[in-house]
Amino acid sequence: MYSRITFISLCSVFLFVSYPSFSQTIESEFSYATNFDVRPTYVEGSNPYFVNGGKWIYIGKTADFDEPGLYFYDTSLKEKIYKAIPLEAYYVSHTTDFLGQIESKGKRLPLSVYEFLFYEETNNRAGFILENKAKSSNSKKYFFVGWDLSSNSIDVVEPIFEIPEEDKKSYAQSSYIGYSEKDQAAYFTFAVDADLKDDVSEDVTTFIYKIQNHNLTKLKEYKSKFYPYTPEFHSDSNQIVIASYAEAFQNRNPLGYLFQLDSNLFQSFSIPSVPYGICFSKDGNTLYMASADTGEVRVYNTTNLNDVKKTKWGTHGHKLGFWKEGELVWVRNSGLHIYDPKTLKQKKVISTKKFYKNHVNVSGSSFVPFQKLLLRNILEDVKGGASNRILIAD
């Protein structure tokens, strides 16, 4: 195990060209495997992300049959943290608001944490999407739940959507967008596809929500052929981008949506297939999108989406972002491919073999923009959980 690994690019003697040096520090590393045999149980999440001002990483939750709870990795203490959610106490005093009842066998509560959203100690607030389903019914209710961390109590429960018993086709999905520290506000999507088998009709209804303090506000509702996918938030410019998923061979013409909150301007635009790589420039004036299956890269001017530059990088990338000024990183299974954000020319490749000995799939990697990268390998040890490295560019 290395506490610090430095990589230095070589200078070409024959061409007399001087290349910049690249180095990075491994701030921390961890791996936790799903475990159903302990209490509370641990189920590893597939998309970890930084919360609590970047000090923690959300890494998973308990199993549905166990008490509701969340797991985090504390980057300072370098340890796993568990936080139980006081859902049962709230349910017992508000049973008429929900479907179902407490069961003596199997899944105890008819409630599940459907999508974790945020946990912020600065204002003592956390939030998540709750799914409510009775054991004897196909009906489903969805709520936003606000959690007061100072009193450890549920103090906001707002209904979002209900799928009735007779509806056999609809399917709901929610996604975390981002958190604004300056406004202490979180953003998320909730979408319902009226028929999963219908790929032609615009039968997906998407809602964009903002939660600030105790107030839940629906900012936008729109129709699409696609579920919202890989949303990103730029807090300084108050912009949200939402992509959609389609593979190149499907020829489905995927769309992206740029929502500029200050002006309430909502625009759709053409995007590449399988857009795993999405990020904003530091000032928010530029939006980058990279395709995992074709390697196509598009660079948009956010003030004029018709102003687009195109190029081609490599495939099998899972995350795009800045870990420092001037270094745009396309995180691929093969390595960290570093590009100049203006010329889009490659500056350096740092092989993932420098960090991992076995097979590599970096799905679920994540950035704190212009600060650090969580490099996550789900194949390093299949039995032991994903192998995570937190990297800081020097």
Protein backbone atom coordinates (compact mmCIF):
# COMPACT_ATOMS: atom_id res chain seq x y z
CA MET A 1 0.00 0.00 0.00
CA TYR A 2 1.40 3.39 -0.97
CA SER A 3 0.59 6.62 0.84
CA ARG A 4 1.92 8.68 -2.05
CA ILE A 5 2.51 7.75 -5.69
CA THR A 6 4.19 10.11 -8.12
CA PHE A 7 4.19 9.81 -11.88
CA ILE A 8 6.53 11.98 -13.99
CA SER A 9 6.12 12.33 -17.73
CA LEU A 10 9.21 11.69 -19.85
CA CYS A 11 10.88 14.30 -21.96
CA SER A 12 11.50 13.34 -25.59
CA VAL A 13 15.23 13.67 -26.25
CA PHE A 14 14.83 13.36 -30.01
CA LEU A 15 12.10 15.95 -30.41
CA PHE A 16 13.46 18.30 -27.74
CA VAL A 17 9.92 18.78 -26.40
CA SER A 18 9.35 19.49 -22.71
CA TYR A 19 6.16 18.04 -21.21
CA PRO A 20 4.65 19.12 -17.89
CA SER A 21 4.89 16.80 -14.90
CA PHE A 22 1.82 15.17 -13.40
CA SER A 23 1.57 13.89 -9.86
CA GLN A 24 -1.18 12.99 -7.47
CA THR A 25 -1.53 12.04 -3.83
CA ILE A 26 -3.63 9.16 -2.58
CA GLU A 27 -5.48 10.91 0.22
CA SER A 28 -7.28 7.78 1.36
CA GLU A 29 -8.30 4.30 0.23
CA PHE A 30 -11.05 1.95 1.37
CA SER A 31 -13.18 -1.05 0.46
CA TYR A 32 -16.33 -2.33 2.16
CA ALA A 33 -18.24 -5.39 0.97
CA THR A 34 -21.99 -5.92 1.14
CA ASN A 35 -22.79 -7.89 4.28
CA PHE A 36 -26.25 -9.24 5.14
CA ASP A 37 -25.04 -11.23 8.15
CA VAL A 38 -24.34 -8.29 10.47
CA ARG A 39 -26.78 -5.83 12.05
CA PRO A 40 -27.17 -3.23 10.82
CA THR A 41 -26.67 -4.77 7.38
CA TYR A 42 -24.58 -3.06 4.72
CA VAL A 43 -25.48 -2.89 1.02
CA GLU A 44 -22.80 -1.23 -1.09
CA GLY A 45 -24.12 1.54 -3.35
CA SER A 46 -23.15 1.62 -7.03
CA ASN A 47 -22.87 5.42 -7.26
CA PRO A 48 -21.04 6.90 -4.25
CA TYR A 49 -20.77 10.67 -4.04
CA PHE A 50 -19.37 13.35 -1.76
CA VAL A 51 -21.65 14.90 0.86
CA ASN A 52 -21.35 16.97 4.04
CA GLY A 53 -19.22 19.65 2.44
CA GLY A 54 -17.05 17.03 0.72
CA LYS A 55 -15.90 15.54 4.04
CA TRP A 56 -17.95 12.35 3.68
CA ILE A 57 -18.79 9.95 0.87
CA TYR A 58 -22.18 8.27 0.70
CA ILE A 59 -21.35 4.59 0.16
CA GLY A 60 -24.53 2.59 0.81
CA LYS A 61 -27.47 1.75 3.05
CA THR A 62 -29.07 -1.09 4.98
CA ALA A 63 -31.05 -3.88 3.35
CA ASP A 64 -34.82 -3.44 3.03
CA PHE A 65 -35.51 -6.09 5.68
CA ASP A 66 -33.34 -4.28 8.23
CA GLU A 67 -33.79 -0.96 10.06
CA PRO A 68 -33.51 2.05 7.70
CA GLY A 69 -30.03 3.52 7.75
CA LEU A 70 -27.24 5.08 5.70
CA TYR A 71 -23.50 4.48 5.49
CA PHE A 72 -20.79 7.05 4.83
CA TYR A 73 -17.01 7.07 4.60
CA ASP A 74 -15.36 9.85 6.60
CA THR A 75 -12.34 11.02 4.59
CA SER A 76 -10.69 12.60 7.65
CA LEU A 77 -11.21 9.79 10.16
CA LYS A 78 -10.78 7.19 7.38
CA GLU A 79 -13.58 5.03 8.68
CA LYS A 80 -17.11 3.92 7.88
CA ILE A 81 -19.93 5.78 9.65
CA TYR A 82 -23.47 4.53 10.17
CA LYS A 83 -26.50 6.78 10.65
CA ALA A 84 -29.84 5.19 11.58
CA ILE A 85 -32.93 6.95 10.19
CA PRO A 86 -35.79 7.45 12.71
CA LEU A 87 -38.41 6.27 10.22
CA GLU A 88 -40.21 3.79 12.44
CA ALA A 89 -40.97 6.40 15.10
CA TYR A 90 -42.50 8.66 12.47
CA TYR A 91 -44.46 5.83 10.87
CA VAL A 92 -45.98 4.70 14.18
CA SER A 93 -47.42 8.17 14.80
CA HIS A 94 -48.57 8.70 11.18
CA THR A 95 -49.81 5.28 10.05
CA THR A 96 -52.89 6.66 8.28
CA ASP A 97 -50.67 8.57 5.86
CA PHE A 98 -49.10 5.39 4.51
CA LEU A 99 -49.98 2.09 2.88
CA GLY A 100 -49.49 -1.17 4.77
CA GLN A 101 -48.57 -2.00 8.32
CA ILE A 102 -45.68 -3.18 10.48
CA GLU A 103 -44.97 -6.85 9.80
CA SER A 104 -43.67 -9.42 12.26
CA LYS A 105 -41.76 -11.40 9.61
CA GLY A 106 -39.56 -10.37 6.73
CA LYS A 107 -39.57 -6.69 5.82
CA ARG A 108 -40.80 -4.97 8.98
CA LEU A 109 -41.75 -1.51 7.69
CA PRO A 110 -43.65 -0.86 4.43
CA LEU A 111 -41.11 1.92 3.81
CA SER A 112 -37.82 1.98 1.90
CA VAL A 113 -35.18 4.63 1.25
CA TYR A 114 -35.60 4.86 -2.52
CA GLU A 115 -32.97 7.51 -3.22
CA PHE A 116 -30.64 9.18 -0.75
CA LEU A 117 -30.23 12.88 -1.58
CA PHE A 118 -28.10 14.84 0.90
CA TYR A 119 -26.65 14.96 4.41
CA GLU A 120 -25.29 18.31 5.57
CA GLU A 121 -24.18 19.04 9.14
CA THR A 122 -23.75 22.76 8.43
CA ASN A 123 -27.51 23.25 8.59
CA ASN A 124 -28.36 19.97 10.33
CA ARG A 125 -30.46 18.70 7.42
CA ALA A 126 -30.65 15.48 5.43
CA GLY A 127 -33.14 14.28 2.85
CA PHE A 128 -34.17 11.28 0.79
CA ILE A 129 -36.96 9.85 -1.37
CA LEU A 130 -39.15 7.31 0.39
CA GLU A 131 -41.05 4.48 -1.29
CA ASN A 132 -44.15 3.19 0.51
CA LYS A 133 -45.52 -0.19 -0.58
CA ALA A 134 -47.85 -2.54 1.29
CA LYS A 135 -47.06 -6.27 1.34
CA SER A 136 -50.49 -7.19 -0.02
CA SER A 137 -50.81 -4.50 -2.70
CA ASN A 138 -49.11 -3.29 -5.87
CA SER A 139 -49.90 0.34 -5.05
CA LYS A 140 -46.91 2.57 -4.38
CA LYS A 141 -46.53 6.00 -2.83
CA TYR A 142 -43.46 8.20 -3.03
CA PHE A 143 -42.52 10.98 -0.62
CA PHE A 144 -39.74 13.45 -0.05
CA VAL A 145 -38.56 13.11 3.54
CA GLY A 146 -36.67 15.81 5.47
CA TRP A 147 -34.58 14.78 8.47
CA ASP A 148 -33.63 17.19 11.27
CA LEU A 149 -30.19 16.01 12.38
CA SER A 150 -30.06 18.15 15.52
CA SER A 151 -33.16 16.52 17.01
CA ASN A 152 -32.80 13.27 15.03
CA SER A 153 -36.39 13.45 13.89
CA ILE A 154 -38.37 13.39 10.66
CA ASP A 155 -39.97 16.80 10.25
CA VAL A 156 -40.90 17.00 6.54
CA VAL A 157 -42.87 14.36 4.61
CA GLU A 158 -44.20 15.62 1.29
CA PRO A 159 -46.09 13.35 -1.15
CA ILE A 160 -44.62 13.32 -4.67
CA PHE A 161 -46.41 10.61 -6.61
CA GLU A 162 -48.69 7.59 -6.28
CA ILE A 163 -48.96 4.57 -8.58
CA PRO A 164 -52.40 2.99 -8.04
CA GLU A 165 -53.10 -0.74 -7.75
CA GLU A 166 -54.59 -1.00 -11.24
CA ASP A 167 -51.57 0.59 -12.94
CA LYS A 168 -49.43 -2.35 -14.09
CA LYS A 169 -47.09 -0.46 -16.45
CA SER A 170 -45.79 2.65 -14.72
CA TYR A 171 -42.35 2.71 -13.15
CA ALA A 172 -40.82 5.51 -11.07
CA GLN A 173 -37.21 6.60 -10.81
CA SER A 174 -35.45 9.36 -8.86
CA SER A 175 -31.99 10.92 -9.22
CA TYR A 176 -29.87 13.20 -7.08
CA ILE A 177 -28.77 16.33 -8.98
CA GLY A 178 -26.65 18.32 -6.54
CA TYR A 179 -26.39 20.49 -3.46
CA SER A 180 -25.75 24.23 -3.20
CA GLU A 181 -23.78 25.08 -0.06
CA LYS A 182 -24.31 28.81 -0.52
CA ASP A 183 -28.11 28.42 -0.70
CA GLN A 184 -28.28 25.28 1.47
CA ALA A 185 -30.56 23.77 -1.15
CA ALA A 186 -30.67 20.35 -2.79
CA TYR A 187 -32.00 19.45 -6.23
CA PHE A 188 -33.33 16.13 -7.52
CA THR A 189 -35.47 14.60 -10.25
CA PHE A 190 -38.42 12.28 -9.97
CA ALA A 191 -39.67 10.64 -13.15
CA VAL A 192 -42.43 8.20 -14.08
CA ASP A 193 -42.48 6.14 -17.27
CA ALA A 194 -46.09 5.26 -18.13
CA ASP A 195 -44.96 2.19 -20.11
CA LEU A 196 -41.42 0.80 -19.93
CA LYS A 197 -41.92 -1.17 -23.15
CA ASP A 198 -42.82 1.94 -25.16
CA ASP A 199 -39.63 3.60 -26.43
CA VAL A 200 -41.36 5.74 -29.03
CA SER A 201 -43.91 7.84 -27.17
CA GLU A 202 -43.05 10.78 -24.94
CA ASP A 203 -44.56 8.97 -21.99
CA VAL A 204 -41.92 9.79 -19.36
CA THR A 205 -42.94 12.64 -17.07
CA THR A 206 -40.04 14.23 -15.22
CA PHE A 207 -40.26 16.62 -12.28
CA ILE A 208 -37.34 18.75 -11.11
CA TYR A 209 -37.50 19.60 -7.41
CA LYS A 210 -35.69 21.93 -5.06
CA ILE A 211 -35.62 21.43 -1.30
CA GLN A 212 -34.48 24.37 0.80
CA ASN A 213 -34.87 24.40 4.57
CA HIS A 214 -38.27 22.75 5.06
CA ASN A 215 -39.75 23.77 1.72
CA LEU A 216 -40.13 21.45 -1.27
CA THR A 217 -40.70 23.26 -4.58
CA LYS A 218 -41.43 21.73 -7.98
CA LEU A 219 -39.37 23.83 -10.39
CA LYS A 220 -40.15 22.11 -13.67
CA GLU A 221 -42.20 19.36 -15.27
CA TYR A 222 -41.51 18.06 -18.77
CA LYS A 223 -42.31 15.13 -21.08
CA SER A 224 -39.71 12.99 -22.83
CA LYS A 225 -39.02 9.61 -24.38
CA PHE A 226 -36.21 9.12 -21.88
CA TYR A 227 -35.65 8.90 -18.16
CA PRO A 228 -33.44 11.66 -16.74
CA TYR A 229 -29.87 10.42 -16.65
CA THR A 230 -26.55 11.51 -15.10
CA PRO A 231 -27.74 14.97 -14.00
CA GLU A 232 -25.12 17.56 -12.97
CA PHE A 233 -25.41 20.81 -11.02
CA HIS A 234 -23.19 23.88 -11.26
CA SER A 235 -23.77 25.77 -8.03
CA ASP A 236 -21.99 29.04 -8.89
CA SER A 237 -24.07 29.67 -12.03
CA ASN A 238 -27.20 27.82 -10.82
CA GLN A 239 -27.40 25.53 -13.84
CA ILE A 240 -28.68 21.98 -14.08
CA VAL A 241 -27.99 19.66 -16.99
CA ILE A 242 -29.93 16.42 -17.42
CA ALA A 243 -28.97 13.82 -20.02
CA SER A 244 -30.76 10.77 -21.39
CA TYR A 245 -29.46 7.29 -22.13
CA ALA A 246 -29.37 5.64 -25.53
CA GLU A 247 -26.72 3.47 -27.14
CA ALA A 248 -25.34 4.42 -30.54
CA PHE A 249 -26.75 1.39 -32.39
CA GLN A 250 -30.29 2.26 -31.27
CA ASN A 251 -30.37 5.52 -33.28
CA ARG A 252 -32.79 7.07 -30.76
CA ASN A 253 -31.37 10.61 -30.95
CA PRO A 254 -30.93 11.25 -27.21
CA LEU A 255 -31.61 14.70 -25.81
CA GLY A 256 -30.12 16.74 -23.02
CA TYR A 257 -31.84 19.48 -21.05
CA LEU A 258 -30.17 22.60 -19.71
CA PHE A 259 -32.09 24.36 -16.95
CA GLN A 260 -30.75 27.79 -16.00
CA LEU A 261 -32.43 28.45 -12.67
CA ASP A 262 -31.84 32.20 -12.39
CA SER A 263 -33.60 32.92 -15.69
CA ASN A 264 -35.93 29.88 -15.59
CA LEU A 265 -34.70 29.07 -19.11
CA PHE A 266 -35.18 25.39 -20.01
CA GLN A 267 -33.68 24.16 -23.29
CA SER A 268 -33.36 20.77 -24.99
CA PHE A 269 -30.41 19.90 -27.22
CA SER A 270 -28.86 16.94 -29.03
CA ILE A 271 -26.29 14.93 -27.05
CA PRO A 272 -23.99 11.95 -27.75
CA SER A 273 -24.97 8.38 -26.88
CA VAL A 274 -24.20 6.85 -23.46
CA PRO A 275 -23.13 10.19 -21.91
CA TYR A 276 -21.28 8.88 -18.86
CA GLY A 277 -18.96 11.90 -18.90
CA ILE A 278 -20.64 15.23 -18.09
CA CYS A 279 -19.20 18.30 -16.37
CA PHE A 280 -19.18 22.10 -16.39
CA SER A 281 -16.20 24.43 -16.61
CA LYS A 282 -15.37 26.38 -13.47
CA ASP A 283 -17.31 29.47 -14.60
CA GLY A 284 -20.23 27.43 -15.93
CA ASN A 285 -19.94 28.87 -19.43
CA THR A 286 -18.84 25.58 -20.96
CA LEU A 287 -20.44 22.14 -20.78
CA TYR A 288 -18.52 18.99 -21.66
CA MET A 289 -20.10 15.65 -22.64
CA ALA A 290 -18.24 12.44 -23.48
CA SER A 291 -19.72 9.22 -24.83
CA ALA A 292 -18.68 5.91 -23.29
CA ASP A 293 -19.56 3.76 -26.29
CA THR A 294 -18.27 5.88 -29.20
CA GLY A 295 -15.72 8.17 -27.54
CA GLU A 296 -17.38 11.23 -29.09
CA VAL A 297 -16.91 14.45 -27.14
CA ARG A 298 -19.06 17.54 -27.47
CA VAL A 299 -18.31 20.91 -25.93
CA TYR A 300 -21.24 23.33 -25.62
CA ASN A 301 -21.38 27.04 -24.98
CA THR A 302 -24.05 27.29 -22.27
CA THR A 303 -25.07 30.76 -23.43
CA ASN A 304 -25.62 29.44 -26.96
CA LEU A 305 -26.16 25.68 -27.22
CA ASN A 306 -25.86 25.84 -31.01
CA ASP A 307 -22.19 26.72 -30.52
CA VAL A 308 -20.77 23.17 -30.30
CA LYS A 309 -17.28 21.76 -30.76
CA LYS A 310 -16.79 18.06 -31.46
CA THR A 311 -13.85 15.71 -31.16
CA LYS A 312 -13.15 12.08 -30.33
CA TRP A 313 -11.38 10.58 -27.33
CA GLY A 314 -11.47 6.95 -26.15
CA THR A 315 -14.30 4.60 -25.18
CA HIS A 316 -15.11 2.82 -21.90
CA GLY A 317 -15.02 6.02 -19.89
CA HIS A 318 -17.20 6.34 -16.80
CA LYS A 319 -16.69 9.86 -15.43
CA LEU A 320 -15.53 13.24 -16.68
CA GLY A 321 -14.43 16.13 -14.51
CA PHE A 322 -11.77 18.54 -13.31
CA TRP A 323 -9.58 17.56 -10.40
CA LYS A 324 -7.65 20.83 -10.71
CA GLU A 325 -7.61 23.91 -12.92
CA GLY A 326 -6.55 23.14 -16.49
CA GLU A 327 -6.77 19.35 -16.15
CA LEU A 328 -9.93 17.77 -17.53
CA VAL A 329 -9.92 14.07 -16.70
CA TRP A 330 -11.76 11.38 -18.68
CA VAL A 331 -11.80 8.46 -16.24
CA ARG A 332 -11.62 5.33 -18.38
CA ASN A 333 -11.05 1.68 -17.51
CA SER A 334 -7.60 1.99 -19.10
CA GLY A 335 -6.52 5.06 -17.17
CA LEU A 336 -6.95 8.70 -16.23
CA HIS A 337 -6.83 10.47 -19.58
CA ILE A 338 -5.98 14.13 -18.95
CA TYR A 339 -6.89 16.80 -21.52
CA ASP A 340 -6.44 20.50 -22.02
CA PRO A 341 -9.98 21.90 -21.56
CA LYS A 342 -9.50 24.53 -24.29
CA THR A 343 -7.67 22.67 -27.05
CA LEU A 344 -9.14 19.27 -26.06
CA LYS A 345 -5.71 17.77 -26.77
CA GLN A 346 -4.47 14.97 -24.55
CA LYS A 347 -1.75 15.96 -22.10
CA LYS A 348 -1.11 12.71 -20.25
CA VAL A 349 -2.42 9.22 -19.46
CA ILE A 350 -2.02 7.72 -16.00
CA SER A 351 -2.70 4.00 -16.25
CA THR A 352 -5.18 2.50 -13.81
CA LYS A 353 -2.63 -0.32 -13.44
CA LYS A 354 -0.67 2.14 -11.31
CA PHE A 355 -3.45 1.84 -8.73
CA TYR A 356 -4.93 -1.63 -9.32
CA LYS A 357 -3.37 -5.03 -10.03
CA ASN A 358 -6.39 -6.92 -11.31
CA HIS A 359 -9.18 -6.18 -13.81
CA VAL A 360 -10.50 -2.62 -13.88
CA ASN A 361 -13.96 -1.13 -14.27
CA VAL A 362 -14.13 2.39 -12.86
CA SER A 363 -17.93 2.68 -12.84
CA GLY A 364 -19.13 4.87 -9.98
CA SER A 365 -16.07 7.14 -9.83
CA SER A 366 -16.84 10.68 -8.67
CA PHE A 367 -15.33 14.17 -8.49
CA VAL A 368 -15.34 17.04 -6.07
CA PRO A 369 -14.86 19.56 -8.90
CA PHE A 370 -11.39 21.17 -8.92
CA GLN A 371 -10.45 19.36 -5.70
CA LYS A 372 -10.26 15.57 -5.87
CA LEU A 373 -11.31 12.36 -7.58
CA LEU A 374 -12.81 9.24 -6.06
CA LEU A 375 -11.43 6.47 -8.30
CA ARG A 376 -13.56 3.34 -7.84
CA ASN A 377 -12.76 -0.10 -9.23
CA ILE A 378 -15.61 -2.59 -8.98
CA LEU A 379 -13.45 -5.49 -10.26
CA GLU A 380 -10.36 -5.31 -8.04
CA ASP A 381 -11.86 -7.79 -5.59
CA VAL A 382 -15.37 -8.94 -6.47
CA LYS A 383 -15.86 -10.63 -3.08
CA GLY A 384 -14.50 -7.70 -1.11
CA GLY A 385 -16.45 -4.79 -2.59
CA ALA A 386 -15.25 -1.95 -4.79
CA SER A 387 -11.71 -0.71 -4.24
CA ASN A 388 -11.70 3.07 -3.80
CA ARG A 389 -8.83 5.58 -4.02
CA ILE A 390 -9.31 9.27 -3.27
CA LEU A 391 -6.82 11.16 -5.45
CA ILE A 392 -5.70 14.77 -5.20
CA ALA A 393 -3.77 16.28 -8.11
CA ASP A 394 -0.60 18.03 -6.93
